[in-house]
N, C-alpha and C. Protein backbone atom coordinates (compact mmCIF):
# COMPACT_ATOMS: atom_id res chain seq x y z
N ASP A 1 -44.92 -135.78 225.05
CA ASP A 1 -45.52 -136.61 225.79
C ASP A 1 -46.24 -136.05 226.59
N HIS A 2 -45.77 -135.34 227.82
CA HIS A 2 -46.44 -134.48 228.59
C HIS A 2 -47.55 -133.43 228.51
N HIS A 3 -47.27 -133.21 227.22
CA HIS A 3 -48.31 -132.13 226.54
C HIS A 3 -49.55 -132.90 226.44
N ALA A 4 -48.93 -133.63 225.69
CA ALA A 4 -50.22 -134.68 224.86
C ALA A 4 -50.95 -135.62 226.56
N ARG A 5 -50.66 -135.94 227.31
CA ARG A 5 -51.28 -136.22 228.55
C ARG A 5 -52.18 -135.19 229.01
N LEU A 6 -51.50 -133.82 229.11
CA LEU A 6 -52.74 -132.73 229.62
C LEU A 6 -53.59 -132.59 228.76
N LEU A 7 -53.33 -132.13 227.38
CA LEU A 7 -54.26 -132.13 226.64
C LEU A 7 -55.20 -133.20 226.58
N TRP A 8 -55.38 -134.39 226.90
CA TRP A 8 -56.26 -135.77 227.42
C TRP A 8 -56.92 -135.62 228.38
N SER A 9 -56.18 -134.98 229.54
CA SER A 9 -56.93 -134.98 230.50
C SER A 9 -58.03 -133.59 230.71
N ILE A 10 -57.48 -132.45 229.85
CA ILE A 10 -58.61 -131.67 229.95
C ILE A 10 -59.94 -132.08 229.07
N MET A 11 -59.65 -132.77 227.98
CA MET A 11 -60.91 -133.38 227.17
C MET A 11 -61.56 -134.16 228.01
N TYR A 12 -60.67 -135.34 228.73
CA TYR A 12 -61.37 -136.13 229.17
C TYR A 12 -62.36 -135.67 230.64
N ARG A 13 -62.13 -134.57 230.96
CA ARG A 13 -62.62 -133.81 232.02
C ARG A 13 -64.13 -133.31 231.18
N VAL A 14 -63.85 -132.50 230.32
CA VAL A 14 -65.05 -132.03 229.17
C VAL A 14 -65.98 -133.46 229.04
N GLY A 15 -65.39 -134.48 228.59
CA GLY A 15 -66.51 -135.36 228.60
C GLY A 15 -67.27 -135.85 229.77
N GLU A 16 -66.65 -136.11 230.40
CA GLU A 16 -67.43 -136.37 232.22
C GLU A 16 -67.92 -135.46 232.30
N THR A 17 -67.97 -134.39 232.23
CA THR A 17 -68.89 -133.42 232.47
C THR A 17 -70.21 -133.37 231.63
N ILE A 18 -70.05 -133.49 230.17
CA ILE A 18 -71.01 -133.76 229.47
C ILE A 18 -71.86 -134.87 229.58
N MET A 19 -71.44 -135.93 230.30
CA MET A 19 -72.25 -137.35 230.60
C MET A 19 -72.88 -137.22 231.87
N GLU A 20 -72.18 -136.69 232.83
CA GLU A 20 -72.93 -135.92 234.25
C GLU A 20 -73.94 -135.10 233.95
N ARG A 21 -73.97 -134.28 233.05
CA ARG A 21 -75.43 -133.42 232.64
C ARG A 21 -76.22 -134.52 232.04
N ILE A 22 -75.85 -135.05 231.10
CA ILE A 22 -77.03 -136.00 230.45
C ILE A 22 -77.63 -137.01 231.28
N ARG A 23 -76.66 -137.50 232.24
CA ARG A 23 -77.39 -138.55 233.21
C ARG A 23 -78.03 -138.02 234.34
N GLY A 24 -77.80 -136.47 234.57
CA GLY A 24 -78.50 -135.98 235.66
C GLY A 24 -80.00 -135.88 234.91
N MET A 25 -79.86 -135.56 233.96
CA MET A 25 -81.39 -135.01 232.91
C MET A 25 -82.18 -136.25 232.94
N GLU A 26 -81.64 -137.58 232.74
CA GLU A 26 -82.24 -138.78 231.97
C GLU A 26 -82.98 -139.36 233.92
N THR A 27 -81.88 -139.21 234.76
CA THR A 27 -82.80 -139.38 236.45
C THR A 27 -83.76 -138.75 236.66
N THR A 28 -84.13 -137.27 236.20
CA THR A 28 -84.81 -136.31 236.84
C THR A 28 -85.96 -136.51 236.25
N ARG A 29 -85.89 -136.73 234.57
CA ARG A 29 -86.85 -136.90 233.66
C ARG A 29 -87.47 -137.52 232.75
N GLY A 30 -86.53 -139.10 233.14
CA GLY A 30 -87.03 -139.87 232.16
C GLY A 30 -85.97 -140.04 231.03
N ALA A 31 -86.16 -140.87 230.34
CA ALA A 31 -85.52 -141.15 228.90
C ALA A 31 -85.41 -139.33 228.00
N VAL A 32 -84.76 -139.50 227.75
CA VAL A 32 -84.37 -138.06 226.64
C VAL A 32 -85.29 -137.84 225.59
N GLN A 33 -86.07 -136.93 225.36
CA GLN A 33 -87.21 -136.61 224.67
C GLN A 33 -86.59 -136.23 223.31
N GLU A 34 -87.26 -136.52 221.99
CA GLU A 34 -86.77 -135.74 220.88
C GLU A 34 -86.43 -134.29 221.11
N ASP A 35 -87.61 -133.42 221.64
CA ASP A 35 -87.85 -131.78 221.76
C ASP A 35 -86.96 -131.48 223.27
N GLU A 36 -85.89 -132.53 223.58
CA GLU A 36 -85.23 -132.05 224.64
C GLU A 36 -83.52 -132.26 224.22
N GLN A 37 -83.69 -132.44 222.88
CA GLN A 37 -82.04 -132.98 221.97
C GLN A 37 -81.43 -131.43 221.93
N LYS A 38 -82.04 -130.47 221.40
CA LYS A 38 -81.39 -129.27 221.38
C LYS A 38 -80.84 -128.97 222.92
N MET A 39 -81.55 -129.13 223.98
CA MET A 39 -80.89 -128.70 225.27
C MET A 39 -79.77 -129.52 225.25
N ILE A 40 -79.60 -130.94 224.99
CA ILE A 40 -78.60 -131.66 225.37
C ILE A 40 -77.43 -130.99 224.24
N TRP A 41 -77.60 -130.51 223.30
CA TRP A 41 -76.51 -130.05 222.56
C TRP A 41 -76.10 -128.89 222.71
N LYS A 42 -77.04 -127.80 223.39
CA LYS A 42 -76.26 -126.78 224.41
C LYS A 42 -75.65 -126.99 225.05
N ILE A 43 -76.21 -127.90 225.93
CA ILE A 43 -74.78 -128.50 227.05
C ILE A 43 -73.81 -128.71 226.46
N VAL A 44 -73.74 -129.59 225.37
CA VAL A 44 -72.34 -129.87 224.77
C VAL A 44 -71.53 -129.21 224.54
N HIS A 45 -72.44 -127.86 223.28
CA HIS A 45 -71.40 -127.01 222.93
C HIS A 45 -71.07 -126.03 224.06
N ASP A 46 -71.64 -125.65 224.96
CA ASP A 46 -71.44 -125.10 226.30
C ASP A 46 -70.18 -125.60 227.07
N VAL A 47 -70.03 -126.57 227.51
CA VAL A 47 -68.83 -127.61 228.13
C VAL A 47 -67.70 -128.02 227.29
N ALA A 48 -67.90 -128.13 225.80
CA ALA A 48 -66.99 -127.78 224.94
C ALA A 48 -66.50 -126.58 224.79
N GLN A 49 -67.20 -125.36 224.71
CA GLN A 49 -66.27 -124.33 224.48
C GLN A 49 -65.59 -123.79 225.70
N GLY A 50 -66.21 -124.15 227.13
CA GLY A 50 -65.51 -124.45 228.21
C GLY A 50 -63.95 -124.97 228.26
N GLY A 51 -64.03 -126.13 227.60
CA GLY A 51 -62.78 -127.03 227.20
C GLY A 51 -61.73 -126.18 226.32
N MET A 52 -62.63 -125.84 225.47
CA MET A 52 -61.31 -125.23 224.31
C MET A 52 -60.65 -123.78 225.07
N GLU A 53 -61.55 -123.39 225.99
CA GLU A 53 -60.55 -121.98 226.47
C GLU A 53 -59.74 -122.26 227.51
N ARG A 54 -59.84 -123.58 228.16
CA ARG A 54 -58.65 -124.24 228.70
C ARG A 54 -58.07 -124.41 228.21
N ILE A 55 -57.85 -125.14 227.09
CA ILE A 55 -57.01 -125.63 226.07
C ILE A 55 -55.96 -124.54 225.56
N GLN A 56 -57.18 -123.33 225.06
CA GLN A 56 -56.46 -122.55 224.51
C GLN A 56 -55.20 -121.65 225.66
N ARG A 57 -55.46 -121.71 226.95
CA ARG A 57 -55.24 -120.86 228.03
C ARG A 57 -53.78 -121.59 228.23
N ILE A 58 -53.84 -122.56 228.47
CA ILE A 58 -52.67 -123.61 229.11
C ILE A 58 -51.91 -124.28 228.00
N VAL A 59 -52.74 -124.80 227.02
CA VAL A 59 -51.98 -125.84 226.14
C VAL A 59 -50.89 -125.22 225.16
N PHE A 60 -51.91 -123.98 224.45
CA PHE A 60 -51.33 -123.02 223.27
C PHE A 60 -49.95 -122.69 223.67
N PRO A 61 -49.73 -121.77 224.90
CA PRO A 61 -48.70 -121.48 225.02
C PRO A 61 -47.33 -122.28 225.37
N LEU A 62 -47.72 -123.51 225.27
CA LEU A 62 -46.65 -124.72 225.77
C LEU A 62 -46.34 -125.20 224.50
N VAL A 63 -47.18 -125.31 223.69
CA VAL A 63 -46.99 -126.24 222.32
C VAL A 63 -47.16 -125.59 220.84
N GLY A 64 -47.97 -124.10 221.13
CA GLY A 64 -47.84 -123.52 220.12
C GLY A 64 -49.32 -123.79 219.51
N THR A 65 -49.70 -123.14 218.29
CA THR A 65 -51.04 -123.43 217.80
C THR A 65 -51.06 -124.07 216.23
N HIS A 66 -49.75 -124.45 215.85
CA HIS A 66 -49.65 -125.06 214.33
C HIS A 66 -50.34 -126.25 214.39
N TRP A 67 -50.40 -127.04 215.53
CA TRP A 67 -51.05 -128.63 215.28
C TRP A 67 -52.58 -128.17 214.96
N TYR A 68 -53.23 -127.05 215.64
CA TYR A 68 -54.45 -126.98 215.27
C TYR A 68 -55.05 -126.27 214.10
N GLU A 69 -56.32 -125.95 214.01
CA GLU A 69 -56.83 -125.41 212.66
C GLU A 69 -56.20 -123.82 212.73
N GLN A 70 -55.65 -123.28 211.48
CA GLN A 70 -55.46 -122.27 211.74
C GLN A 70 -56.12 -121.10 212.05
N ASP A 71 -57.67 -121.31 211.52
CA ASP A 71 -59.09 -120.11 211.20
C ASP A 71 -59.28 -120.42 212.66
N VAL A 72 -59.16 -120.83 213.72
CA VAL A 72 -59.74 -120.96 215.16
C VAL A 72 -58.95 -120.04 215.79
N PRO A 73 -59.38 -118.87 216.01
CA PRO A 73 -58.65 -117.88 216.72
C PRO A 73 -58.23 -117.81 218.28
N VAL A 74 -57.26 -117.59 218.52
CA VAL A 74 -56.34 -117.73 220.06
C VAL A 74 -56.77 -116.56 220.54
N PRO A 75 -57.52 -116.34 221.88
CA PRO A 75 -58.41 -115.00 222.34
C PRO A 75 -57.05 -114.44 222.87
N PRO A 76 -56.82 -112.87 222.98
CA PRO A 76 -55.80 -112.23 223.42
C PRO A 76 -55.77 -112.38 224.92
N GLN A 77 -54.64 -111.87 225.46
CA GLN A 77 -54.49 -112.09 226.56
C GLN A 77 -55.27 -111.09 227.27
N GLY A 78 -55.95 -112.06 228.44
CA GLY A 78 -57.01 -111.13 229.30
C GLY A 78 -58.39 -111.40 229.04
N GLN A 79 -58.80 -112.22 227.84
CA GLN A 79 -60.16 -112.58 227.09
C GLN A 79 -60.13 -113.79 227.20
N VAL A 80 -59.71 -114.80 228.17
CA VAL A 80 -59.70 -116.15 227.64
C VAL A 80 -60.93 -116.92 228.87
N GLY A 81 -61.58 -116.20 229.42
CA GLY A 81 -62.59 -116.89 229.83
C GLY A 81 -62.62 -116.63 231.37
N GLU A 82 -63.32 -117.06 232.39
CA GLU A 82 -63.33 -116.68 233.68
C GLU A 82 -62.25 -117.15 234.61
N GLU A 83 -61.30 -118.42 234.25
CA GLU A 83 -60.93 -118.84 234.89
C GLU A 83 -59.13 -118.35 234.95
N SER A 84 -58.87 -117.59 234.36
CA SER A 84 -57.76 -116.79 234.74
C SER A 84 -57.72 -115.43 233.94
N ASP A 85 -56.82 -114.25 233.99
CA ASP A 85 -56.78 -113.30 233.59
C ASP A 85 -55.96 -113.20 232.50
N ALA A 86 -55.03 -114.00 231.97
CA ALA A 86 -53.88 -114.00 231.23
C ALA A 86 -53.23 -115.12 230.47
N ILE A 87 -52.93 -115.70 229.74
CA ILE A 87 -52.35 -116.69 229.15
C ILE A 87 -51.11 -116.66 230.07
N PRO A 88 -50.94 -118.06 230.27
CA PRO A 88 -49.69 -118.22 231.25
C PRO A 88 -48.33 -117.94 230.22
N ASN A 89 -47.18 -117.26 230.77
CA ASN A 89 -46.24 -116.94 229.92
C ASN A 89 -45.65 -117.94 229.69
N VAL A 90 -45.14 -118.62 228.45
CA VAL A 90 -44.48 -119.87 228.50
C VAL A 90 -43.18 -119.77 229.18
N ASP A 91 -42.61 -118.71 229.22
CA ASP A 91 -40.69 -119.11 229.97
C ASP A 91 -40.98 -119.11 231.38
N SER A 92 -41.97 -118.52 231.84
CA SER A 92 -42.44 -118.67 233.15
C SER A 92 -43.15 -120.29 233.60
N VAL A 93 -43.99 -120.47 232.70
CA VAL A 93 -43.86 -121.96 232.98
C VAL A 93 -43.01 -123.05 232.87
N ARG A 94 -42.20 -122.66 232.16
CA ARG A 94 -40.78 -123.86 231.75
C ARG A 94 -39.86 -123.76 232.92
N ARG A 95 -39.67 -122.29 233.43
CA ARG A 95 -38.81 -122.13 234.90
C ARG A 95 -39.11 -122.46 235.70
N ASN A 96 -40.65 -122.50 235.84
CA ASN A 96 -41.08 -123.41 237.33
C ASN A 96 -41.14 -124.41 237.23
N GLN A 97 -41.00 -125.29 236.06
CA GLN A 97 -41.21 -126.75 235.94
C GLN A 97 -39.78 -127.34 236.21
N GLN A 98 -38.79 -126.28 235.48
CA GLN A 98 -37.45 -126.58 235.90
C GLN A 98 -37.28 -126.64 237.42
N CYS A 99 -37.32 -125.59 238.18
CA CYS A 99 -37.28 -125.58 239.43
C CYS A 99 -37.79 -126.88 240.35
N ILE A 100 -39.06 -126.90 240.21
CA ILE A 100 -39.75 -128.14 240.59
C ILE A 100 -39.17 -129.06 240.55
N GLN A 101 -38.66 -129.73 238.91
CA GLN A 101 -37.87 -130.89 238.86
C GLN A 101 -36.69 -131.10 239.55
N SER A 102 -35.95 -129.72 239.74
CA SER A 102 -34.41 -129.46 240.34
C SER A 102 -34.62 -129.77 241.71
N ILE A 103 -35.74 -129.68 242.20
CA ILE A 103 -35.81 -129.71 243.75
C ILE A 103 -36.04 -131.14 244.11
N LEU A 104 -37.13 -131.69 243.21
CA LEU A 104 -37.31 -133.24 243.50
C LEU A 104 -36.06 -134.05 242.89
N HIS A 105 -35.67 -133.60 242.14
CA HIS A 105 -34.56 -134.47 241.92
C HIS A 105 -33.53 -134.51 242.61
N TYR A 106 -32.92 -133.22 243.24
CA TYR A 106 -31.86 -133.03 244.51
C TYR A 106 -32.42 -134.05 245.88
N TRP A 107 -33.63 -134.21 246.28
CA TRP A 107 -34.19 -134.57 247.32
C TRP A 107 -34.37 -135.80 247.26
N PHE A 108 -34.76 -136.45 245.99
CA PHE A 108 -35.06 -137.75 245.77
C PHE A 108 -34.68 -138.76 244.75
N GLY A 109 -33.86 -137.84 243.74
CA GLY A 109 -33.33 -138.77 242.95
C GLY A 109 -31.77 -138.77 242.46
N GLN A 110 -31.25 -138.40 243.53
CA GLN A 110 -29.73 -138.18 243.40
C GLN A 110 -29.39 -139.91 243.97
N TYR A 111 -29.92 -140.43 245.04
CA TYR A 111 -29.52 -141.77 245.13
C TYR A 111 -30.55 -143.00 245.94
N SER A 112 -30.33 -143.80 245.88
CA SER A 112 -31.21 -144.58 246.55
C SER A 112 -31.54 -144.20 247.81
N PRO A 113 -32.94 -144.69 248.19
CA PRO A 113 -33.28 -144.40 249.69
C PRO A 113 -32.41 -144.55 250.76
N GLU A 114 -31.44 -145.68 250.64
CA GLU A 114 -30.71 -145.99 251.68
C GLU A 114 -29.54 -145.00 251.71
N ASN A 115 -29.20 -144.42 250.75
CA ASN A 115 -28.17 -143.72 250.55
C ASN A 115 -28.65 -142.40 251.04
N SER A 116 -29.73 -141.89 250.41
CA SER A 116 -30.17 -140.48 250.58
C SER A 116 -30.43 -140.33 251.93
N GLN A 117 -30.91 -141.54 253.04
CA GLN A 117 -30.71 -141.25 254.53
C GLN A 117 -29.55 -141.11 254.94
N LYS A 118 -28.27 -141.64 254.40
CA LYS A 118 -27.11 -141.35 255.12
C LYS A 118 -26.36 -140.15 254.47
N LYS A 119 -26.67 -139.75 253.27
CA LYS A 119 -26.02 -138.79 252.57
C LYS A 119 -26.74 -137.29 252.60
N LEU A 120 -27.96 -137.35 252.76
CA LEU A 120 -28.98 -136.23 252.27
C LEU A 120 -29.58 -135.76 253.58
N TRP A 121 -30.68 -136.92 253.94
CA TRP A 121 -32.14 -136.66 254.60
C TRP A 121 -31.27 -136.72 255.97
N MET A 122 -30.58 -137.65 256.62
CA MET A 122 -30.36 -137.31 258.15
C MET A 122 -28.60 -137.69 258.12
N ILE A 123 -27.91 -136.68 257.76
CA ILE A 123 -26.69 -136.72 257.99
C ILE A 123 -26.28 -136.95 259.30
N ALA A 124 -25.16 -137.83 259.58
CA ALA A 124 -24.61 -137.88 260.93
C ALA A 124 -24.23 -136.99 261.42
N SER A 125 -23.75 -136.70 262.95
CA SER A 125 -23.28 -135.34 263.26
C SER A 125 -21.69 -136.00 263.19
N SER A 126 -21.29 -136.86 263.23
CA SER A 126 -19.80 -137.22 263.03
C SER A 126 -19.55 -136.69 261.31
N SER A 127 -20.54 -136.75 260.53
CA SER A 127 -20.06 -136.47 259.32
C SER A 127 -20.16 -135.42 259.00
N ALA A 128 -19.42 -134.37 259.65
CA ALA A 128 -19.84 -132.73 259.72
C ALA A 128 -19.12 -132.39 258.43
N ASP A 129 -18.22 -132.87 257.85
CA ASP A 129 -17.61 -132.38 256.59
C ASP A 129 -18.77 -132.16 255.37
N LEU A 130 -19.23 -133.65 255.41
CA LEU A 130 -20.61 -133.80 254.30
C LEU A 130 -21.34 -133.03 254.70
N ARG A 131 -22.03 -132.66 256.08
CA ARG A 131 -23.10 -131.83 256.34
C ARG A 131 -22.93 -130.37 255.84
N GLU A 132 -21.72 -130.22 256.19
CA GLU A 132 -21.45 -128.68 255.59
C GLU A 132 -21.58 -128.46 254.16
N ARG A 133 -21.15 -129.53 253.46
CA ARG A 133 -20.71 -129.39 252.06
C ARG A 133 -22.65 -129.22 251.62
N VAL A 134 -23.04 -130.37 252.31
CA VAL A 134 -24.55 -130.33 251.71
C VAL A 134 -25.32 -128.94 251.88
N ASP A 135 -25.13 -128.39 253.37
CA ASP A 135 -25.62 -127.39 253.49
C ASP A 135 -25.34 -126.00 252.49
N ALA A 136 -23.87 -126.01 252.07
CA ALA A 136 -23.76 -124.97 251.10
C ALA A 136 -24.42 -124.84 249.91
N ASP A 137 -24.31 -126.16 249.52
CA ASP A 137 -24.72 -126.74 248.18
C ASP A 137 -26.01 -126.17 248.29
N ILE A 138 -27.06 -126.44 249.02
CA ILE A 138 -28.35 -126.29 249.26
C ILE A 138 -28.94 -124.74 248.92
N SER A 139 -27.77 -123.86 249.83
CA SER A 139 -28.15 -123.14 249.70
C SER A 139 -27.98 -122.00 248.52
N GLU A 140 -26.52 -122.33 247.75
CA GLU A 140 -26.45 -121.63 246.43
C GLU A 140 -27.46 -122.38 245.40
N ARG A 141 -27.88 -123.04 245.57
CA ARG A 141 -28.76 -123.79 244.67
C ARG A 141 -30.33 -123.38 244.90
N PHE A 142 -30.72 -123.30 245.99
CA PHE A 142 -32.11 -123.08 246.32
C PHE A 142 -32.61 -122.01 247.39
N GLN A 143 -31.64 -121.16 248.03
CA GLN A 143 -32.08 -120.06 248.59
C GLN A 143 -33.04 -119.02 247.82
N HIS A 144 -32.70 -118.49 246.89
CA HIS A 144 -33.67 -117.84 245.99
C HIS A 144 -35.18 -118.37 246.05
N ILE A 145 -35.03 -119.47 245.71
CA ILE A 145 -36.39 -120.52 245.59
C ILE A 145 -37.26 -120.11 246.83
N ILE A 146 -36.32 -120.53 247.86
CA ILE A 146 -37.33 -120.63 249.20
C ILE A 146 -37.84 -119.12 249.59
N THR A 147 -36.85 -118.12 249.54
CA THR A 147 -37.63 -116.80 249.40
C THR A 147 -38.26 -116.49 248.59
N SER A 148 -38.38 -117.11 247.50
CA SER A 148 -40.03 -116.80 246.50
C SER A 148 -41.00 -117.36 247.30
N LEU A 149 -40.85 -118.74 247.59
CA LEU A 149 -41.70 -119.62 247.87
C LEU A 149 -42.41 -119.10 249.20
N SER A 150 -41.57 -118.35 250.22
CA SER A 150 -42.51 -118.08 251.71
C SER A 150 -43.29 -116.99 250.98
N GLN A 151 -43.34 -116.53 249.78
CA GLN A 151 -44.52 -115.32 249.98
C GLN A 151 -45.99 -116.04 249.21
N GLU A 152 -47.10 -115.82 249.20
CA GLU A 152 -48.14 -116.55 249.20
C GLU A 152 -48.21 -115.98 247.45
N ASN A 153 -48.19 -115.09 246.93
CA ASN A 153 -48.22 -114.60 245.78
C ASN A 153 -47.15 -115.25 245.13
N GLY A 154 -47.44 -115.16 243.68
CA GLY A 154 -46.68 -115.55 242.64
C GLY A 154 -46.02 -116.87 242.71
N MET A 155 -44.84 -117.41 242.78
CA MET A 155 -44.30 -118.61 242.76
C MET A 155 -45.13 -119.85 243.38
N TRP A 156 -45.22 -119.37 244.81
CA TRP A 156 -45.91 -120.41 245.41
C TRP A 156 -47.65 -120.66 244.84
N GLN A 157 -48.12 -119.61 244.62
CA GLN A 157 -49.35 -119.39 244.19
C GLN A 157 -49.49 -120.48 243.08
N GLU A 158 -48.54 -120.49 241.85
CA GLU A 158 -48.72 -120.85 240.91
C GLU A 158 -48.58 -122.30 240.88
N TRP A 159 -47.38 -122.91 241.82
CA TRP A 159 -46.99 -124.07 242.20
C TRP A 159 -48.13 -125.24 242.63
N CYS A 160 -48.80 -123.90 243.55
CA CYS A 160 -49.61 -125.05 244.48
C CYS A 160 -50.90 -124.78 244.08
N HIS A 161 -51.46 -124.15 243.37
CA HIS A 161 -52.56 -123.67 243.08
C HIS A 161 -53.34 -124.13 241.13
N ASP A 162 -51.99 -124.14 240.44
CA ASP A 162 -52.69 -124.63 239.40
C ASP A 162 -52.28 -125.78 238.85
N SER A 163 -53.15 -126.67 239.07
CA SER A 163 -52.63 -128.18 239.22
C SER A 163 -52.76 -128.55 237.89
N GLU A 164 -53.39 -127.77 236.74
CA GLU A 164 -53.29 -128.14 235.73
C GLU A 164 -51.93 -127.96 235.06
N LEU A 165 -51.13 -127.40 235.05
CA LEU A 165 -49.59 -127.05 234.77
C LEU A 165 -48.67 -127.94 235.40
N TYR A 166 -49.03 -127.76 237.15
CA TYR A 166 -47.94 -128.45 237.83
C TYR A 166 -48.08 -129.83 238.36
N GLY A 167 -49.65 -130.29 238.75
CA GLY A 167 -49.83 -131.51 238.99
C GLY A 167 -49.64 -131.37 240.78
N TYR A 168 -49.46 -132.25 241.22
CA TYR A 168 -49.20 -132.79 242.78
C TYR A 168 -47.68 -132.25 242.57
N THR A 169 -46.61 -132.38 241.91
CA THR A 169 -45.31 -132.03 241.92
C THR A 169 -45.05 -130.90 242.66
N GLY A 170 -45.82 -129.88 242.08
CA GLY A 170 -45.68 -128.40 242.66
C GLY A 170 -45.64 -128.13 244.22
N LYS A 171 -46.62 -128.92 244.18
CA LYS A 171 -47.07 -128.92 246.02
C LYS A 171 -45.56 -129.51 246.75
N ILE A 172 -45.14 -130.97 246.36
CA ILE A 172 -44.30 -131.71 246.85
C ILE A 172 -42.99 -130.90 247.01
N ALA A 173 -42.45 -130.30 245.79
CA ALA A 173 -41.15 -129.17 245.77
C ALA A 173 -41.52 -128.14 247.10
N ALA A 174 -42.69 -127.68 246.65
CA ALA A 174 -42.47 -126.56 247.70
C ALA A 174 -42.60 -126.78 249.31
N ILE A 175 -43.05 -128.05 249.36
CA ILE A 175 -42.84 -128.66 250.81
C ILE A 175 -41.71 -128.76 251.13
N VAL A 176 -40.85 -129.55 250.00
CA VAL A 176 -39.61 -129.67 250.38
C VAL A 176 -38.60 -128.53 250.70
N ALA A 177 -38.72 -127.61 249.93
CA ALA A 177 -38.03 -126.26 249.97
C ALA A 177 -38.13 -125.55 250.68
N LEU A 178 -39.57 -125.83 251.40
CA LEU A 178 -39.98 -124.66 252.77
C LEU A 178 -39.49 -125.29 254.03
N ASP A 179 -39.67 -126.85 254.19
CA ASP A 179 -39.91 -127.64 255.18
C ASP A 179 -37.99 -128.17 255.56
N GLN A 180 -37.55 -128.60 254.26
CA GLN A 180 -36.48 -129.21 254.68
C GLN A 180 -34.96 -128.26 253.97
N PHE A 181 -35.02 -127.80 253.01
CA PHE A 181 -34.05 -127.07 252.32
C PHE A 181 -33.47 -125.76 253.34
N SER A 182 -34.76 -124.97 253.75
CA SER A 182 -34.74 -124.00 254.58
C SER A 182 -33.76 -124.14 255.70
N ARG A 183 -33.81 -125.58 256.35
CA ARG A 183 -33.10 -125.77 257.57
C ARG A 183 -31.61 -126.05 257.06
N HIS A 184 -31.23 -126.67 255.87
CA HIS A 184 -29.79 -126.55 255.32
C HIS A 184 -29.34 -125.17 255.63
N VAL A 185 -30.23 -124.47 254.94
CA VAL A 185 -29.59 -123.13 254.73
C VAL A 185 -29.48 -122.08 255.99
N THR A 186 -30.64 -122.28 256.71
CA THR A 186 -30.16 -121.71 258.34
C THR A 186 -29.04 -122.06 258.77
N ARG A 187 -28.86 -123.20 258.76
CA ARG A 187 -27.45 -124.24 259.73
C ARG A 187 -26.00 -123.50 258.65
N HIS A 188 -26.15 -123.58 257.52
CA HIS A 188 -25.23 -122.93 256.78
C HIS A 188 -24.78 -121.62 257.15
N TYR A 189 -25.95 -120.71 257.60
CA TYR A 189 -25.67 -119.31 257.56
C TYR A 189 -25.12 -119.44 259.03
N SER A 190 -25.65 -120.05 260.04
CA SER A 190 -25.31 -119.93 261.41
C SER A 190 -24.05 -120.60 261.56
N LEU A 191 -23.26 -121.27 260.71
CA LEU A 191 -21.94 -121.86 260.66
C LEU A 191 -20.89 -120.94 260.34
N THR A 192 -21.26 -120.25 259.38
CA THR A 192 -20.47 -119.11 258.47
C THR A 192 -20.47 -117.95 259.09
N GLU A 193 -21.50 -117.75 260.11
CA GLU A 193 -21.68 -116.46 260.69
C GLU A 193 -21.99 -115.24 260.01
N GLN A 194 -22.78 -115.58 258.79
CA GLN A 194 -23.36 -114.64 257.92
C GLN A 194 -24.72 -114.28 257.95
N HIS A 195 -25.18 -113.33 257.37
CA HIS A 195 -26.55 -112.94 257.64
C HIS A 195 -27.46 -114.08 256.63
N CYS A 196 -28.84 -114.68 257.53
CA CYS A 196 -29.31 -115.39 256.37
C CYS A 196 -30.23 -114.81 255.91
N THR A 197 -30.73 -114.85 254.65
CA THR A 197 -31.80 -113.42 254.09
C THR A 197 -33.09 -114.29 253.51
N ILE A 198 -33.08 -115.47 254.05
CA ILE A 198 -34.49 -116.38 253.95
C ILE A 198 -35.56 -116.10 255.33
N PRO A 199 -36.86 -116.13 255.47
CA PRO A 199 -37.39 -115.84 256.42
C PRO A 199 -37.18 -116.47 257.66
N PRO A 200 -37.66 -116.22 258.73
CA PRO A 200 -37.48 -117.23 260.00
C PRO A 200 -38.35 -118.41 259.48
N GLN A 201 -37.52 -119.59 260.16
CA GLN A 201 -37.97 -121.04 260.21
C GLN A 201 -39.43 -121.12 260.28
N SER A 202 -40.07 -120.43 261.46
CA SER A 202 -41.31 -120.77 262.10
C SER A 202 -42.27 -120.06 260.72
N GLU A 203 -42.00 -119.30 260.32
CA GLU A 203 -42.89 -118.42 259.23
C GLU A 203 -42.95 -119.50 258.12
N LEU A 204 -41.83 -120.22 257.56
CA LEU A 204 -41.48 -121.60 256.35
C LEU A 204 -41.98 -122.44 256.78
N ASP A 205 -42.16 -122.94 258.00
CA ASP A 205 -43.07 -124.24 258.44
C ASP A 205 -44.21 -123.87 258.45
N ALA A 206 -44.77 -122.69 258.86
CA ALA A 206 -46.25 -122.53 258.53
C ALA A 206 -46.85 -122.22 257.07
N GLN A 207 -45.93 -121.74 256.11
CA GLN A 207 -46.20 -122.02 254.56
C GLN A 207 -46.03 -123.16 254.19
N ALA A 208 -45.17 -124.07 254.70
CA ALA A 208 -45.19 -125.66 254.53
C ALA A 208 -46.39 -126.24 254.76
N TYR A 209 -46.94 -126.07 256.12
CA TYR A 209 -47.95 -126.49 256.65
C TYR A 209 -49.07 -126.25 255.87
N LYS A 210 -49.28 -124.89 255.41
CA LYS A 210 -50.34 -124.58 254.65
C LYS A 210 -50.39 -125.26 253.06
N THR A 211 -49.12 -125.49 252.55
CA THR A 211 -49.07 -126.25 251.61
C THR A 211 -49.73 -127.64 251.29
N ALA A 212 -49.34 -128.12 252.51
CA ALA A 212 -49.87 -129.23 252.55
C ALA A 212 -51.24 -129.87 253.16
N GLN A 213 -52.03 -128.75 253.09
CA GLN A 213 -53.44 -128.73 253.93
C GLN A 213 -54.28 -129.11 252.49
């Protein structure tokens, strides 16, 4: 269902672009004349071709090509248009999606908002045992993700700039990890007197702020 919505979103944008170009022509020059039909069809062809390049770059790696006409070639890696230098690796996409969903479920999906306030978001200082367990759990589960997101290339770039694959969820997950999970990890290491391997909080806060902009 997600892949179907993604495909529909791509084709909807293609249709919108076509209509905008035609409406702009009508506004500028009046009703479209017969001798301009070839120009319109050229526009349609160019936009549709751009749409297919996006489908080949994004959708084919996720769902395969068996549902499409077999005689339509999938361009080789590095030759799929100007938007990307390579077809996304399907394993990398799935891994990113799993990481994003794990962060969002942990922070927003475990409890009701009322219980999350007490058990996760703002644990009272009197509940030291619970706070330490949460800190240790977040450190074990998400420390490596925080480290990866602290760098502008790689994971952060994919989650926050490839909206066609990850939508707004990539940015939200990155902000939660950089701004919230990082504090749990830092506190966990300070209590256990171990060396904290994630970057300083000031750097993570700056990265979270950049993500939110």
